[in-house]
Amino acid sequence: MTRELTGKHVLSITIGAFSVIIGVNIFMAYNAVHSFPGLEVSNSYVASQEFDRLRTAQVALGWRVEPRYADGQLSFRILGMDGLPAQIAHFSALIGRTTMAREDVTPVFRRVNGAYVTDLDLAPGAWLVHLEAVATDGTPFRQRIDLFVRG
């Protein structure tokens, strides 16, 4: 036996569907607002001028980064314009996944034959490296490196 679809049934179905949609939107908006870390810079114009100055200084270094990951060992060789290891006063790198901060690590590197090396077990997949170095003259060097580890 089938029941007749009345206007009250259609109204109930419509209200129920829109209630679910609105409820999900409110939940997602709340999570987006409460998970946002906040203001990145207080003055975007000043930040852009600083960015241009730092970028020009970094380009003038002429450094080239050669990343390598094999057998649980991550290394970065930074070469100067002359093809020799660059003169670096400070080196660090943040390694993590592109989509979550849970697996982020900042390992301690040691200098071996002109390269910065650390023992690190990386699971297969895409990894993001935020490399930071400072030249001996104080010039900062930053580079984002996308690293893919085969399984």
C-alpha atoms as a PDB file:
ATOM      1  CA  MET A   1       0.000   0.000   0.000  1.00  0.00           C
ATOM      2  CA  THR A   2       1.428   3.348  -0.985  1.00  0.00           C
ATOM      3  CA  ARG A   3       0.747   6.625   0.709  1.00  0.00           C
ATOM      4  CA  GLU A   4      -0.139   9.750  -1.134  1.00  0.00           C
ATOM      5  CA  LEU A   5       2.583  12.427  -1.278  1.00  0.00           C
ATOM      6  CA  THR A   6       0.993  15.530   0.144  1.00  0.00           C
ATOM      7  CA  GLY A   7       2.134  19.118   0.440  1.00  0.00           C
ATOM      8  CA  LYS A   8       2.976  18.532   4.123  1.00  0.00           C
ATOM      9  CA  HIS A   9       5.337  15.679   3.149  1.00  0.00           C
ATOM     10  CA  VAL A  10       7.098  17.825   0.523  1.00  0.00           C
ATOM     11  CA  LEU A  11       7.402  20.691   3.031  1.00  0.00           C
ATOM     12  CA  SER A  12       8.886  18.344   5.656  1.00  0.00           C
ATOM     13  CA  ILE A  13      11.390  16.905   3.169  1.00  0.00           C
ATOM     14  CA  THR A  14      12.424  20.394   1.998  1.00  0.00           C
ATOM     15  CA  ILE A  15      12.824  21.740   5.544  1.00  0.00           C
ATOM     16  CA  GLY A  16      14.819  18.651   6.558  1.00  0.00           C
ATOM     17  CA  ALA A  17      17.162  18.893   3.563  1.00  0.00           C
ATOM     18  CA  PHE A  18      17.817  22.606   4.045  1.00  0.00           C
ATOM     19  CA  SER A  19      18.332  22.084   7.793  1.00  0.00           C
ATOM     20  CA  VAL A  20      21.100  19.583   7.050  1.00  0.00           C
ATOM     21  CA  ILE A  21      22.714  21.894   4.476  1.00  0.00           C
ATOM     22  CA  ILE A  22      22.587  24.942   6.756  1.00  0.00           C
ATOM     23  CA  GLY A  23      23.827  22.919   9.728  1.00  0.00           C
ATOM     24  CA  VAL A  24      26.840  21.633   7.776  1.00  0.00           C
ATOM     25  CA  ASN A  25      27.622  25.150   6.503  1.00  0.00           C
ATOM     26  CA  ILE A  26      27.510  26.592  10.026  1.00  0.00           C
ATOM     27  CA  PHE A  27      29.773  23.788  11.291  1.00  0.00           C
ATOM     28  CA  MET A  28      32.293  24.305   8.462  1.00  0.00           C
ATOM     29  CA  ALA A  29      32.297  28.103   8.849  1.00  0.00           C
ATOM     30  CA  TYR A  30      32.849  27.803  12.607  1.00  0.00           C
ATOM     31  CA  ASN A  31      35.788  25.403  12.099  1.00  0.00           C
ATOM     32  CA  ALA A  32      37.320  27.606   9.386  1.00  0.00           C
ATOM     33  CA  VAL A  33      37.198  30.734  11.546  1.00  0.00           C
ATOM     34  CA  HIS A  34      38.486  29.024  14.679  1.00  0.00           C
ATOM     35  CA  SER A  35      41.337  27.158  12.953  1.00  0.00           C
ATOM     36  CA  PHE A  36      42.717  30.206  11.071  1.00  0.00           C
ATOM     37  CA  PRO A  37      45.995  31.302  12.734  1.00  0.00           C
ATOM     38  CA  GLY A  38      45.275  35.000  12.276  1.00  0.00           C
ATOM     39  CA  LEU A  39      46.858  38.001  10.659  1.00  0.00           C
ATOM     40  CA  GLU A  40      50.011  37.260   8.662  1.00  0.00           C
ATOM     41  CA  VAL A  41      51.361  40.804   8.353  1.00  0.00           C
ATOM     42  CA  SER A  42      50.142  44.104   9.769  1.00  0.00           C
ATOM     43  CA  ASN A  43      51.079  46.151   6.703  1.00  0.00           C
ATOM     44  CA  SER A  44      51.136  44.371   3.348  1.00  0.00           C
ATOM     45  CA  TYR A  45      52.894  47.238   1.532  1.00  0.00           C
ATOM     46  CA  VAL A  46      55.821  47.247   3.971  1.00  0.00           C
ATOM     47  CA  ALA A  47      55.960  43.439   3.807  1.00  0.00           C
ATOM     48  CA  SER A  48      56.088  43.540  -0.002  1.00  0.00           C
ATOM     49  CA  GLN A  49      58.957  46.040   0.039  1.00  0.00           C
ATOM     50  CA  GLU A  50      60.870  43.860   2.504  1.00  0.00           C
ATOM     51  CA  PHE A  51      60.154  40.801   0.359  1.00  0.00           C
ATOM     52  CA  ASP A  52      61.553  42.484  -2.774  1.00  0.00           C
ATOM     53  CA  ARG A  53      64.719  43.559  -0.922  1.00  0.00           C
ATOM     54  CA  LEU A  54      65.307  40.081   0.508  1.00  0.00           C
ATOM     55  CA  ARG A  55      64.574  38.384  -2.825  1.00  0.00           C
ATOM     56  CA  THR A  56      67.079  40.621  -4.633  1.00  0.00           C
ATOM     57  CA  ALA A  57      69.757  39.840  -2.045  1.00  0.00           C
ATOM     58  CA  GLN A  58      69.012  36.100  -2.240  1.00  0.00           C
ATOM     59  CA  VAL A  59      69.174  36.059  -6.042  1.00  0.00           C
ATOM     60  CA  ALA A  60      72.524  37.880  -5.861  1.00  0.00           C
ATOM     61  CA  LEU A  61      73.938  34.965  -3.833  1.00  0.00           C
ATOM     62  CA  GLY A  62      73.424  32.701  -6.852  1.00  0.00           C
ATOM     63  CA  TRP A  63      72.996  29.614  -4.683  1.00  0.00           C
ATOM     64  CA  ARG A  64      71.639  26.337  -6.068  1.00  0.00           C
ATOM     65  CA  VAL A  65      70.158  23.665  -3.771  1.00  0.00           C
ATOM     66  CA  GLU A  66      70.486  19.955  -4.522  1.00  0.00           C
ATOM     67  CA  PRO A  67      68.220  17.865  -2.235  1.00  0.00           C
ATOM     68  CA  ARG A  68      68.663  14.109  -1.912  1.00  0.00           C
ATOM     69  CA  TYR A  69      66.841  11.445   0.097  1.00  0.00           C
ATOM     70  CA  ALA A  70      68.005   7.843   0.159  1.00  0.00           C
ATOM     71  CA  ASP A  71      68.270   5.049   2.733  1.00  0.00           C
ATOM     72  CA  GLY A  72      66.774   7.117   5.564  1.00  0.00           C
ATOM     73  CA  GLN A  73      69.163  10.009   5.037  1.00  0.00           C
ATOM     74  CA  LEU A  74      68.148  13.488   3.868  1.00  0.00           C
ATOM     75  CA  SER A  75      70.805  15.819   2.543  1.00  0.00           C
ATOM     76  CA  PHE A  76      71.010  19.259   1.002  1.00  0.00           C
ATOM     77  CA  ARG A  77      74.009  20.433  -0.960  1.00  0.00           C
ATOM     78  CA  ILE A  78      74.009  24.193  -1.476  1.00  0.00           C
ATOM     79  CA  LEU A  79      76.350  25.343  -4.201  1.00  0.00           C
ATOM     80  CA  GLY A  80      77.493  28.882  -4.881  1.00  0.00           C
ATOM     81  CA  MET A  81      77.937  30.561  -8.254  1.00  0.00           C
ATOM     82  CA  ASP A  82      81.375  28.951  -8.554  1.00  0.00           C
ATOM     83  CA  GLY A  83      79.895  25.438  -8.183  1.00  0.00           C
ATOM     84  CA  LEU A  84      81.589  24.930  -4.800  1.00  0.00           C
ATOM     85  CA  PRO A  85      79.745  24.485  -1.492  1.00  0.00           C
ATOM     86  CA  ALA A  86      78.353  27.849  -0.376  1.00  0.00           C
ATOM     87  CA  GLN A  87      79.702  29.594   2.692  1.00  0.00           C
ATOM     88  CA  ILE A  88      76.874  29.239   5.212  1.00  0.00           C
ATOM     89  CA  ALA A  89      76.719  30.623   8.748  1.00  0.00           C
ATOM     90  CA  HIS A  90      73.426  28.947   9.720  1.00  0.00           C
ATOM     91  CA  PHE A  91      71.285  26.181   8.205  1.00  0.00           C
ATOM     92  CA  SER A  92      67.889  24.736   9.148  1.00  0.00           C
ATOM     93  CA  ALA A  93      64.949  23.058   7.459  1.00  0.00           C
ATOM     94  CA  LEU A  94      61.365  22.322   8.388  1.00  0.00           C
ATOM     95  CA  ILE A  95      60.131  19.094   6.799  1.00  0.00           C
ATOM     96  CA  GLY A  96      56.458  18.159   6.720  1.00  0.00           C
ATOM     97  CA  ARG A  97      53.470  17.147   4.690  1.00  0.00           C
ATOM     98  CA  THR A  98      51.835  19.703   2.437  1.00  0.00           C
ATOM     99  CA  THR A  99      48.386  19.252   3.955  1.00  0.00           C
ATOM    100  CA  MET A 100      48.949  18.848   7.702  1.00  0.00           C
ATOM    101  CA  ALA A 101      51.339  20.035  10.389  1.00  0.00           C
ATOM    102  CA  ARG A 102      51.130  16.861  12.494  1.00  0.00           C
ATOM    103  CA  GLU A 103      54.220  15.269  10.904  1.00  0.00           C
ATOM    104  CA  ASP A 104      56.352  18.458  10.777  1.00  0.00           C
ATOM    105  CA  VAL A 105      59.902  18.068  12.054  1.00  0.00           C
ATOM    106  CA  THR A 106      62.913  20.357  12.294  1.00  0.00           C
ATOM    107  CA  PRO A 107      65.809  17.901  12.408  1.00  0.00           C
ATOM    108  CA  VAL A 108      69.354  18.691  13.439  1.00  0.00           C
ATOM    109  CA  PHE A 109      71.699  18.666  10.448  1.00  0.00           C
ATOM    110  CA  ARG A 110      75.411  17.971  10.422  1.00  0.00           C
ATOM    111  CA  ARG A 111      77.816  19.153   7.743  1.00  0.00           C
ATOM    112  CA  VAL A 112      79.403  16.274   5.808  1.00  0.00           C
ATOM    113  CA  ASN A 113      81.606  16.940   2.779  1.00  0.00           C
ATOM    114  CA  GLY A 114      79.944  20.279   2.063  1.00  0.00           C
ATOM    115  CA  ALA A 115      76.379  18.948   2.432  1.00  0.00           C
ATOM    116  CA  TYR A 116      73.923  19.247   5.307  1.00  0.00           C
ATOM    117  CA  VAL A 117      72.827  15.744   6.307  1.00  0.00           C
ATOM    118  CA  THR A 118      70.362  14.260   8.792  1.00  0.00           C
ATOM    119  CA  ASP A 119      69.006  10.791   9.490  1.00  0.00           C
ATOM    120  CA  LEU A 120      65.276  10.893   8.936  1.00  0.00           C
ATOM    121  CA  ASP A 121      62.708   8.212   8.101  1.00  0.00           C
ATOM    122  CA  LEU A 122      60.206   9.707   5.675  1.00  0.00           C
ATOM    123  CA  ALA A 123      57.123   7.733   4.720  1.00  0.00           C
ATOM    124  CA  PRO A 124      56.389   7.452   1.003  1.00  0.00           C
ATOM    125  CA  GLY A 125      54.611  10.366  -0.605  1.00  0.00           C
ATOM    126  CA  ALA A 126      54.869  14.109  -1.008  1.00  0.00           C
ATOM    127  CA  TRP A 127      56.873  16.158   1.496  1.00  0.00           C
ATOM    128  CA  LEU A 128      57.428  19.892   1.728  1.00  0.00           C
ATOM    129  CA  VAL A 129      60.732  21.384   2.878  1.00  0.00           C
ATOM    130  CA  HIS A 130      61.107  24.982   4.036  1.00  0.00           C
ATOM    131  CA  LEU A 131      64.851  25.475   3.879  1.00  0.00           C
ATOM    132  CA  GLU A 132      66.482  28.450   5.586  1.00  0.00           C
ATOM    133  CA  ALA A 133      70.143  29.376   5.479  1.00  0.00           C
ATOM    134  CA  VAL A 134      72.154  32.476   6.253  1.00  0.00           C
ATOM    135  CA  ALA A 135      75.250  33.389   4.271  1.00  0.00           C
ATOM    136  CA  THR A 136      78.375  34.371   6.179  1.00  0.00           C
ATOM    137  CA  ASP A 137      77.687  38.008   5.209  1.00  0.00           C
ATOM    138  CA  GLY A 138      74.259  37.792   6.909  1.00  0.00           C
ATOM    139  CA  THR A 139      72.140  37.456   3.753  1.00  0.00           C
ATOM    140  CA  PRO A 140      69.119  35.208   4.416  1.00  0.00           C
ATOM    141  CA  PHE A 141      68.303  32.436   1.938  1.00  0.00           C
ATOM    142  CA  ARG A 142      64.914  30.723   1.902  1.00  0.00           C
ATOM    143  CA  GLN A 143      63.630  28.104  -0.472  1.00  0.00           C
ATOM    144  CA  ARG A 144      60.610  25.834  -0.632  1.00  0.00           C
ATOM    145  CA  ILE A 145      61.416  22.375  -1.948  1.00  0.00           C
ATOM    146  CA  ASP A 146      58.847  19.774  -2.933  1.00  0.00           C
ATOM    147  CA  LEU A 147      60.273  16.340  -2.179  1.00  0.00           C
ATOM    148  CA  PHE A 148      58.701  13.079  -3.283  1.00  0.00           C
ATOM    149  CA  VAL A 149      59.672   9.875  -1.473  1.00  0.00           C
ATOM    150  CA  ARG A 150      59.041   6.657  -3.390  1.00  0.00           C
ATOM    151  CA  GLY A 151      57.505   3.708  -1.571  1.00  0.00           C
END
